[in-house]
Every structure is written in structure tokens, then in C-alpha cells.
């Protein structure tokens, strides 16, 4: 796996987690729907798990 592509892949995974987290915070701060907050929380947890898997795979192939 090329280092450049693996760096981009990790950055994209982390950015996705950050964007969903910020969307959740924005929804809570303006008193948005609790259903949307729960949906965003589930997405964040899933994306965090995916980001961890991507990081572990990248580290495995870099050794």
C-alpha cells in the first residue's frame, strides 16, 4: 500500500467522523430533533469503528 494513499484514506475517515460530530453538536445546540441526534450518534460510532479499522490496516501494511 502506498504511503500517500494510506494517508489520504486515514484523513478522509477522520474527517468523516469530525463532520458527523460537528453536525451532532450543531443539532444539539439549536435544540434540534432528538431522533436526528440519535441517528448522528450512531453514524459517529460506526464511522469511528471504520476509522480505527482503516488505521489498523494501514499500520499492518506499513510494517
N, C-alpha and C. Protein backbone atom coordinates (compact mmCIF):
# COMPACT_ATOMS: atom_id res chain seq x y z
N UNK A 1 0.85 -1.18 0.00
CA UNK A 1 0.00 0.00 0.00
C UNK A 1 0.90 1.24 0.00
N UNK A 2 0.62 2.16 -0.90
CA UNK A 2 1.42 3.37 -0.98
C UNK A 2 1.13 4.28 0.21
N UNK A 3 2.16 4.92 0.68
CA UNK A 3 2.03 5.79 1.86
C UNK A 3 1.08 6.95 1.58
N UNK A 4 1.18 7.53 0.39
CA UNK A 4 0.36 8.68 0.06
C UNK A 4 -1.13 8.33 0.11
N UNK A 5 -1.51 7.21 -0.50
CA UNK A 5 -2.91 6.80 -0.50
C UNK A 5 -3.40 6.43 0.89
N UNK A 6 -2.53 5.81 1.66
CA UNK A 6 -2.96 5.43 3.00
C UNK A 6 -3.16 6.66 3.88
N UNK A 7 -2.33 7.67 3.70
CA UNK A 7 -2.52 8.92 4.45
C UNK A 7 -3.84 9.58 4.09
N UNK A 8 -4.17 9.60 2.81
CA UNK A 8 -5.44 10.19 2.36
C UNK A 8 -6.62 9.40 2.91
N UNK A 9 -6.52 8.09 2.89
CA UNK A 9 -7.60 7.24 3.39
C UNK A 9 -7.85 7.49 4.88
N UNK A 10 -6.80 7.55 5.66
CA UNK A 10 -6.94 7.82 7.10
C UNK A 10 -7.52 9.22 7.32
N UNK A 11 -7.02 10.20 6.57
CA UNK A 11 -7.52 11.58 6.73
C UNK A 11 -9.00 11.67 6.38
N UNK A 12 -9.42 10.98 5.34
CA UNK A 12 -10.84 11.00 4.96
C UNK A 12 -11.71 10.36 6.03
N UNK A 13 -11.25 9.28 6.62
CA UNK A 13 -12.02 8.61 7.67
C UNK A 13 -12.15 9.53 8.89
N UNK A 14 -11.06 10.18 9.26
CA UNK A 14 -11.10 11.07 10.42
C UNK A 14 -11.95 12.30 10.14
N UNK A 15 -11.89 12.81 8.91
CA UNK A 15 -12.71 13.96 8.54
C UNK A 15 -14.20 13.62 8.58
N UNK A 16 -14.55 12.42 8.14
CA UNK A 16 -15.94 11.99 8.18
C UNK A 16 -16.45 11.95 9.62
N UNK A 17 -15.64 11.42 10.53
CA UNK A 17 -16.02 11.37 11.95
C UNK A 17 -16.20 12.80 12.48
N UNK A 18 -15.27 13.68 12.14
CA UNK A 18 -15.34 15.06 12.62
C UNK A 18 -16.59 15.76 12.11
N UNK A 19 -16.92 15.57 10.83
CA UNK A 19 -18.09 16.24 10.26
C UNK A 19 -19.39 15.77 10.92
N UNK A 20 -19.51 14.47 11.16
CA UNK A 20 -20.72 13.95 11.81
C UNK A 20 -20.78 14.44 13.25
N UNK A 21 -19.64 14.50 13.93
CA UNK A 21 -19.60 15.01 15.29
C UNK A 21 -20.05 16.47 15.33
N UNK A 22 -19.53 17.29 14.42
CA UNK A 22 -19.91 18.70 14.39
C UNK A 22 -21.39 18.87 14.03
N UNK A 23 -21.90 18.03 13.15
CA UNK A 23 -23.33 18.10 12.82
C UNK A 23 -24.18 17.75 14.05
N UNK A 24 -23.75 16.78 14.83
CA UNK A 24 -24.46 16.43 16.05
C UNK A 24 -24.44 17.54 17.08
N UNK A 25 -23.27 18.17 17.23
CA UNK A 25 -23.16 19.29 18.17
C UNK A 25 -24.03 20.45 17.73
N UNK A 26 -24.05 20.74 16.43
CA UNK A 26 -24.89 21.82 15.90
C UNK A 26 -26.36 21.52 16.13
N UNK A 27 -26.76 20.27 15.93
CA UNK A 27 -28.16 19.89 16.15
C UNK A 27 -28.55 20.05 17.61
N UNK A 28 -27.66 19.65 18.51
CA UNK A 28 -27.97 19.78 19.94
C UNK A 28 -28.02 21.24 20.38
N UNK A 29 -27.10 22.06 19.85
CA UNK A 29 -27.02 23.45 20.30
C UNK A 29 -28.23 24.27 19.86
N UNK A 30 -28.85 23.89 18.77
CA UNK A 30 -30.03 24.65 18.34
C UNK A 30 -31.34 23.98 18.74
N UNK A 31 -31.24 22.95 19.57
CA UNK A 31 -32.45 22.29 20.07
C UNK A 31 -33.15 21.47 19.01
N UNK A 32 -32.40 20.79 18.19
CA UNK A 32 -32.97 20.02 17.09
C UNK A 32 -33.63 18.73 17.55
N UNK A 33 -34.01 17.96 16.59
CA UNK A 33 -34.73 16.71 16.83
C UNK A 33 -33.86 15.71 17.60
N UNK A 34 -34.47 15.05 18.57
CA UNK A 34 -33.73 14.04 19.32
C UNK A 34 -33.49 12.79 18.46
N UNK A 35 -34.40 12.53 17.53
CA UNK A 35 -34.20 11.40 16.62
C UNK A 35 -32.99 11.63 15.73
N UNK A 36 -32.82 12.86 15.26
CA UNK A 36 -31.65 13.18 14.44
C UNK A 36 -30.38 13.07 15.27
N UNK A 37 -30.43 13.49 16.53
CA UNK A 37 -29.27 13.37 17.41
C UNK A 37 -28.88 11.90 17.58
N UNK A 38 -29.84 11.03 17.76
CA UNK A 38 -29.56 9.60 17.91
C UNK A 38 -28.98 9.02 16.62
N UNK A 39 -29.53 9.43 15.48
CA UNK A 39 -29.04 8.96 14.20
C UNK A 39 -27.59 9.39 13.98
N UNK A 40 -27.30 10.64 14.29
CA UNK A 40 -25.93 11.15 14.14
C UNK A 40 -24.98 10.44 15.10
N UNK A 41 -25.44 10.13 16.29
CA UNK A 41 -24.60 9.40 17.25
C UNK A 41 -24.26 8.02 16.72
N UNK A 42 -25.25 7.34 16.15
CA UNK A 42 -25.00 6.01 15.58
C UNK A 42 -24.02 6.09 14.41
N UNK A 43 -24.20 7.08 13.56
CA UNK A 43 -23.28 7.26 12.44
C UNK A 43 -21.87 7.54 12.94
N UNK A 44 -21.75 8.38 13.97
CA UNK A 44 -20.43 8.72 14.50
C UNK A 44 -19.74 7.48 15.05
N UNK A 45 -20.46 6.67 15.80
CA UNK A 45 -19.87 5.46 16.37
C UNK A 45 -19.44 4.52 15.25
N UNK A 46 -20.27 4.35 14.24
CA UNK A 46 -19.92 3.49 13.12
C UNK A 46 -18.71 4.01 12.35
N UNK A 47 -18.67 5.31 12.12
CA UNK A 47 -17.54 5.89 11.41
C UNK A 47 -16.26 5.81 12.23
N UNK A 48 -16.37 5.94 13.55
CA UNK A 48 -15.19 5.79 14.40
C UNK A 48 -14.65 4.36 14.33
N UNK A 49 -15.55 3.39 14.33
CA UNK A 49 -15.11 1.99 14.21
C UNK A 49 -14.43 1.77 12.87
N UNK A 50 -15.01 2.31 11.80
CA UNK A 50 -14.40 2.19 10.48
C UNK A 50 -13.04 2.87 10.43
N UNK A 51 -12.92 4.05 11.04
CA UNK A 51 -11.64 4.76 11.06
C UNK A 51 -10.58 3.95 11.80
N UNK A 52 -10.95 3.33 12.90
CA UNK A 52 -10.00 2.51 13.65
C UNK A 52 -9.55 1.32 12.82
N UNK A 53 -10.48 0.69 12.12
CA UNK A 53 -10.13 -0.45 11.27
C UNK A 53 -9.18 0.00 10.15
N UNK A 54 -9.48 1.13 9.53
CA UNK A 54 -8.61 1.64 8.47
C UNK A 54 -7.22 1.93 9.00
N UNK A 55 -7.13 2.55 10.17
CA UNK A 55 -5.82 2.86 10.76
C UNK A 55 -5.06 1.58 11.06
N UNK A 56 -5.73 0.58 11.60
CA UNK A 56 -5.05 -0.69 11.91
C UNK A 56 -4.57 -1.39 10.64
N UNK A 57 -5.37 -1.36 9.59
CA UNK A 57 -4.97 -1.98 8.32
C UNK A 57 -3.75 -1.25 7.73
N UNK A 58 -3.78 0.07 7.76
CA UNK A 58 -2.65 0.85 7.26
C UNK A 58 -1.39 0.55 8.06
N UNK A 59 -1.51 0.51 9.37
CA UNK A 59 -0.35 0.18 10.20
C UNK A 59 0.16 -1.22 9.94
N UNK A 60 -0.73 -2.16 9.69
CA UNK A 60 -0.33 -3.54 9.40
C UNK A 60 0.50 -3.60 8.11
N UNK A 61 0.03 -2.91 7.07
CA UNK A 61 0.73 -2.97 5.80
C UNK A 61 1.99 -2.11 5.76
N UNK A 62 2.14 -1.19 6.69
CA UNK A 62 3.37 -0.37 6.72
C UNK A 62 4.53 -1.03 7.44
N UNK A 63 4.27 -2.08 8.20
CA UNK A 63 5.36 -2.67 8.96
C UNK A 63 6.27 -3.52 8.13
